[in-house]
Amino acid sequence: TVLGFLRQYGLQDEFALNLEANHGTLAGHTGEHETAMAAAFGKLGSIDANRNEAMLGWDTDMFPNDVGLATYIMDVVLKQGGLAP
């Protein structure tokens, strides 16, 4: 994982993660998993809040329409005190 890579090379204090909707999907993870893990390790830096098209395999830069996922992600962001560099 990216978190493991950063830890392995002593870079965990230098970077935070930018989450993009389809990157987790392509890795076999859910958006909830990606967000929860980044936040749990204090590495949730920014979110590209578009949605993906699963049949295409890449972001489509359309507004999110999954209310449950959007609400979950907003809750995680609020609980960690927002997003900051």
N, C-alpha and C. Protein backbone atom coordinates (compact mmCIF):
# COMPACT_ATOMS: atom_id res chain seq x y z
N THR A 1 0.83 -1.19 0.00
CA THR A 1 0.00 0.00 0.00
C THR A 1 0.87 1.25 0.00
N VAL A 2 0.26 2.35 -0.28
CA VAL A 2 0.99 3.62 -0.25
C VAL A 2 1.47 3.93 1.16
N LEU A 3 0.62 3.65 2.14
CA LEU A 3 1.03 3.91 3.53
C LEU A 3 2.25 3.06 3.90
N GLY A 4 2.26 1.81 3.48
CA GLY A 4 3.41 0.95 3.73
C GLY A 4 4.67 1.45 3.05
N PHE A 5 4.53 1.92 1.82
CA PHE A 5 5.66 2.47 1.07
C PHE A 5 6.24 3.68 1.80
N LEU A 6 5.35 4.59 2.22
CA LEU A 6 5.82 5.79 2.93
C LEU A 6 6.56 5.42 4.21
N ARG A 7 6.00 4.46 4.96
CA ARG A 7 6.64 4.02 6.19
C ARG A 7 7.99 3.35 5.92
N GLN A 8 8.03 2.50 4.92
CA GLN A 8 9.26 1.76 4.58
C GLN A 8 10.43 2.70 4.31
N TYR A 9 10.14 3.82 3.65
CA TYR A 9 11.20 4.74 3.26
C TYR A 9 11.28 5.99 4.11
N GLY A 10 10.63 5.95 5.29
CA GLY A 10 10.73 7.06 6.24
C GLY A 10 10.08 8.34 5.76
N LEU A 11 9.07 8.23 4.91
CA LEU A 11 8.43 9.41 4.33
C LEU A 11 7.05 9.69 4.92
N GLN A 12 6.65 8.93 5.93
CA GLN A 12 5.30 9.06 6.46
C GLN A 12 4.98 10.44 7.01
N ASP A 13 5.99 11.18 7.43
CA ASP A 13 5.75 12.52 7.96
C ASP A 13 5.84 13.60 6.89
N GLU A 14 6.15 13.21 5.68
CA GLU A 14 6.34 14.17 4.59
C GLU A 14 5.14 14.31 3.67
N PHE A 15 4.26 13.32 3.67
CA PHE A 15 3.16 13.29 2.70
C PHE A 15 1.84 12.93 3.35
N ALA A 16 0.77 13.41 2.75
CA ALA A 16 -0.59 12.96 3.05
C ALA A 16 -1.15 12.42 1.74
N LEU A 17 -2.30 11.76 1.81
CA LEU A 17 -2.85 11.11 0.63
C LEU A 17 -3.97 11.91 0.00
N ASN A 18 -4.01 11.90 -1.32
CA ASN A 18 -5.13 12.41 -2.09
C ASN A 18 -5.92 11.20 -2.56
N LEU A 19 -7.16 11.09 -2.10
CA LEU A 19 -7.99 9.96 -2.50
C LEU A 19 -8.81 10.31 -3.73
N GLU A 20 -8.83 9.41 -4.68
CA GLU A 20 -9.65 9.56 -5.88
C GLU A 20 -10.59 8.38 -5.96
N ALA A 21 -11.81 8.65 -6.32
CA ALA A 21 -12.88 7.65 -6.25
C ALA A 21 -12.52 6.32 -6.88
N ASN A 22 -12.02 6.31 -8.05
CA ASN A 22 -11.85 5.05 -8.76
C ASN A 22 -10.54 4.35 -8.43
N HIS A 23 -9.59 5.04 -7.84
CA HIS A 23 -8.32 4.38 -7.54
C HIS A 23 -8.51 3.24 -6.54
N GLY A 24 -9.32 3.46 -5.53
CA GLY A 24 -9.61 2.39 -4.59
C GLY A 24 -10.37 1.26 -5.24
N THR A 25 -11.31 1.58 -6.09
CA THR A 25 -12.08 0.56 -6.79
C THR A 25 -11.17 -0.31 -7.64
N LEU A 26 -10.24 0.31 -8.35
CA LEU A 26 -9.32 -0.44 -9.19
C LEU A 26 -8.40 -1.35 -8.37
N ALA A 27 -8.17 -0.97 -7.11
CA ALA A 27 -7.33 -1.78 -6.21
C ALA A 27 -8.15 -2.82 -5.45
N GLY A 28 -9.45 -2.85 -5.72
CA GLY A 28 -10.32 -3.82 -5.05
C GLY A 28 -10.82 -3.36 -3.70
N HIS A 29 -10.75 -2.06 -3.41
CA HIS A 29 -11.22 -1.51 -2.15
C HIS A 29 -12.43 -0.62 -2.38
N THR A 30 -13.15 -0.38 -1.31
CA THR A 30 -14.26 0.57 -1.38
C THR A 30 -13.78 1.97 -1.02
N GLY A 31 -14.58 2.96 -1.35
CA GLY A 31 -14.27 4.33 -0.95
C GLY A 31 -14.25 4.47 0.56
N GLU A 32 -15.13 3.73 1.23
CA GLU A 32 -15.15 3.76 2.69
C GLU A 32 -13.84 3.23 3.27
N HIS A 33 -13.35 2.14 2.71
CA HIS A 33 -12.09 1.56 3.18
C HIS A 33 -10.93 2.53 2.98
N GLU A 34 -10.83 3.09 1.79
CA GLU A 34 -9.74 4.01 1.49
C GLU A 34 -9.76 5.20 2.45
N THR A 35 -10.94 5.76 2.67
CA THR A 35 -11.08 6.93 3.55
C THR A 35 -10.77 6.57 4.99
N ALA A 36 -11.31 5.46 5.46
CA ALA A 36 -11.10 5.05 6.85
C ALA A 36 -9.63 4.78 7.13
N MET A 37 -8.94 4.10 6.23
CA MET A 37 -7.53 3.78 6.45
C MET A 37 -6.66 5.04 6.44
N ALA A 38 -6.89 5.92 5.48
CA ALA A 38 -6.10 7.15 5.42
C ALA A 38 -6.32 7.98 6.69
N ALA A 39 -7.57 8.08 7.13
CA ALA A 39 -7.86 8.86 8.34
C ALA A 39 -7.29 8.19 9.58
N ALA A 40 -7.38 6.87 9.66
CA ALA A 40 -6.88 6.14 10.83
C ALA A 40 -5.38 6.36 11.04
N PHE A 41 -4.65 6.55 9.95
CA PHE A 41 -3.21 6.77 10.05
C PHE A 41 -2.84 8.25 9.98
N GLY A 42 -3.87 9.13 10.02
CA GLY A 42 -3.61 10.57 9.99
C GLY A 42 -3.05 11.05 8.66
N LYS A 43 -3.41 10.38 7.58
CA LYS A 43 -2.83 10.70 6.28
C LYS A 43 -3.86 11.12 5.24
N LEU A 44 -5.07 11.44 5.66
CA LEU A 44 -6.10 11.90 4.73
C LEU A 44 -5.86 13.37 4.43
N GLY A 45 -5.28 13.64 3.28
CA GLY A 45 -4.89 15.00 2.94
C GLY A 45 -5.89 15.73 2.07
N SER A 46 -6.42 15.05 1.05
CA SER A 46 -7.40 15.68 0.15
C SER A 46 -8.21 14.60 -0.53
N ILE A 47 -9.33 15.02 -1.10
CA ILE A 47 -10.24 14.09 -1.76
C ILE A 47 -10.65 14.66 -3.10
N ASP A 48 -10.47 13.89 -4.14
CA ASP A 48 -10.98 14.23 -5.47
C ASP A 48 -12.40 13.68 -5.49
N ALA A 49 -13.36 14.54 -5.21
CA ALA A 49 -14.73 14.08 -4.96
C ALA A 49 -15.55 13.95 -6.23
N ASN A 50 -15.02 13.27 -7.21
CA ASN A 50 -15.84 12.95 -8.37
C ASN A 50 -16.26 11.50 -8.26
N ARG A 51 -17.00 11.03 -9.22
CA ARG A 51 -17.38 9.62 -9.16
C ARG A 51 -16.81 8.90 -10.37
N ASN A 52 -16.74 7.62 -10.21
CA ASN A 52 -16.17 6.82 -11.26
C ASN A 52 -17.26 6.12 -12.06
N GLU A 53 -16.90 5.61 -13.17
CA GLU A 53 -17.77 4.75 -13.97
C GLU A 53 -17.11 3.39 -13.97
N ALA A 54 -17.67 2.46 -13.21
CA ALA A 54 -17.04 1.16 -13.02
C ALA A 54 -16.80 0.42 -14.34
N MET A 55 -17.66 0.61 -15.30
CA MET A 55 -17.51 -0.09 -16.57
C MET A 55 -16.37 0.48 -17.41
N LEU A 56 -16.01 1.73 -17.18
CA LEU A 56 -14.92 2.34 -17.93
C LEU A 56 -13.57 2.13 -17.28
N GLY A 57 -13.54 2.10 -15.96
CA GLY A 57 -12.29 1.88 -15.24
C GLY A 57 -11.51 3.15 -14.94
N TRP A 58 -12.14 4.31 -15.06
CA TRP A 58 -11.44 5.54 -14.70
C TRP A 58 -12.46 6.58 -14.26
N ASP A 59 -11.95 7.67 -13.68
CA ASP A 59 -12.82 8.75 -13.22
C ASP A 59 -13.50 9.40 -14.41
N THR A 60 -14.72 9.84 -14.19
CA THR A 60 -15.46 10.51 -15.25
C THR A 60 -15.68 11.99 -14.94
N ASP A 61 -15.16 12.45 -13.80
CA ASP A 61 -15.30 13.84 -13.38
C ASP A 61 -16.76 14.30 -13.36
N MET A 62 -17.63 13.42 -12.90
CA MET A 62 -19.03 13.77 -12.67
C MET A 62 -19.24 13.89 -11.17
N PHE A 63 -20.25 14.64 -10.78
CA PHE A 63 -20.53 14.81 -9.36
C PHE A 63 -20.92 13.47 -8.73
N PRO A 64 -20.53 13.27 -7.46
CA PRO A 64 -20.91 12.03 -6.77
C PRO A 64 -22.43 11.93 -6.65
N ASN A 65 -22.95 10.73 -6.77
CA ASN A 65 -24.39 10.55 -6.59
C ASN A 65 -24.72 9.43 -5.62
N ASP A 66 -23.73 8.93 -4.91
CA ASP A 66 -23.95 7.93 -3.87
C ASP A 66 -24.01 8.67 -2.53
N VAL A 67 -25.24 8.92 -2.08
CA VAL A 67 -25.43 9.72 -0.87
C VAL A 67 -24.80 9.06 0.35
N GLY A 68 -24.89 7.75 0.45
CA GLY A 68 -24.30 7.04 1.59
C GLY A 68 -22.79 7.20 1.65
N LEU A 69 -22.13 7.01 0.52
CA LEU A 69 -20.67 7.15 0.47
C LEU A 69 -20.25 8.59 0.73
N ALA A 70 -20.93 9.54 0.11
CA ALA A 70 -20.58 10.95 0.31
C ALA A 70 -20.75 11.35 1.78
N THR A 71 -21.83 10.89 2.40
CA THR A 71 -22.08 11.20 3.80
C THR A 71 -21.02 10.58 4.70
N TYR A 72 -20.67 9.33 4.43
CA TYR A 72 -19.64 8.65 5.21
C TYR A 72 -18.31 9.41 5.12
N ILE A 73 -17.92 9.78 3.92
CA ILE A 73 -16.65 10.48 3.73
C ILE A 73 -16.67 11.84 4.42
N MET A 74 -17.78 12.57 4.29
CA MET A 74 -17.87 13.86 4.98
C MET A 74 -17.77 13.69 6.49
N ASP A 75 -18.37 12.63 7.04
CA ASP A 75 -18.31 12.37 8.47
C ASP A 75 -16.87 12.10 8.91
N VAL A 76 -16.15 11.30 8.15
CA VAL A 76 -14.75 11.01 8.48
C VAL A 76 -13.92 12.29 8.45
N VAL A 77 -14.11 13.11 7.43
CA VAL A 77 -13.37 14.36 7.32
C VAL A 77 -13.68 15.28 8.51
N LEU A 78 -14.95 15.41 8.87
CA LEU A 78 -15.32 16.26 10.00
C LEU A 78 -14.73 15.73 11.31
N LYS A 79 -14.76 14.41 11.51
CA LYS A 79 -14.23 13.84 12.74
C LYS A 79 -12.72 14.02 12.87
N GLN A 80 -12.02 14.16 11.76
CA GLN A 80 -10.58 14.39 11.87
C GLN A 80 -10.25 15.88 11.88
N GLY A 81 -11.29 16.73 11.92
CA GLY A 81 -11.06 18.16 12.02
C GLY A 81 -10.92 18.87 10.68
N GLY A 82 -11.36 18.23 9.61
CA GLY A 82 -11.30 18.82 8.28
C GLY A 82 -10.08 18.33 7.51
N LEU A 83 -9.82 18.99 6.41
CA LEU A 83 -8.66 18.67 5.58
C LEU A 83 -7.68 19.82 5.64
N ALA A 84 -6.43 19.52 5.84
CA ALA A 84 -5.41 20.55 5.91
C ALA A 84 -4.12 20.01 5.33
N PRO A 85 -3.33 20.89 4.73
CA PRO A 85 -2.05 20.43 4.17
C PRO A 85 -1.08 19.95 5.24
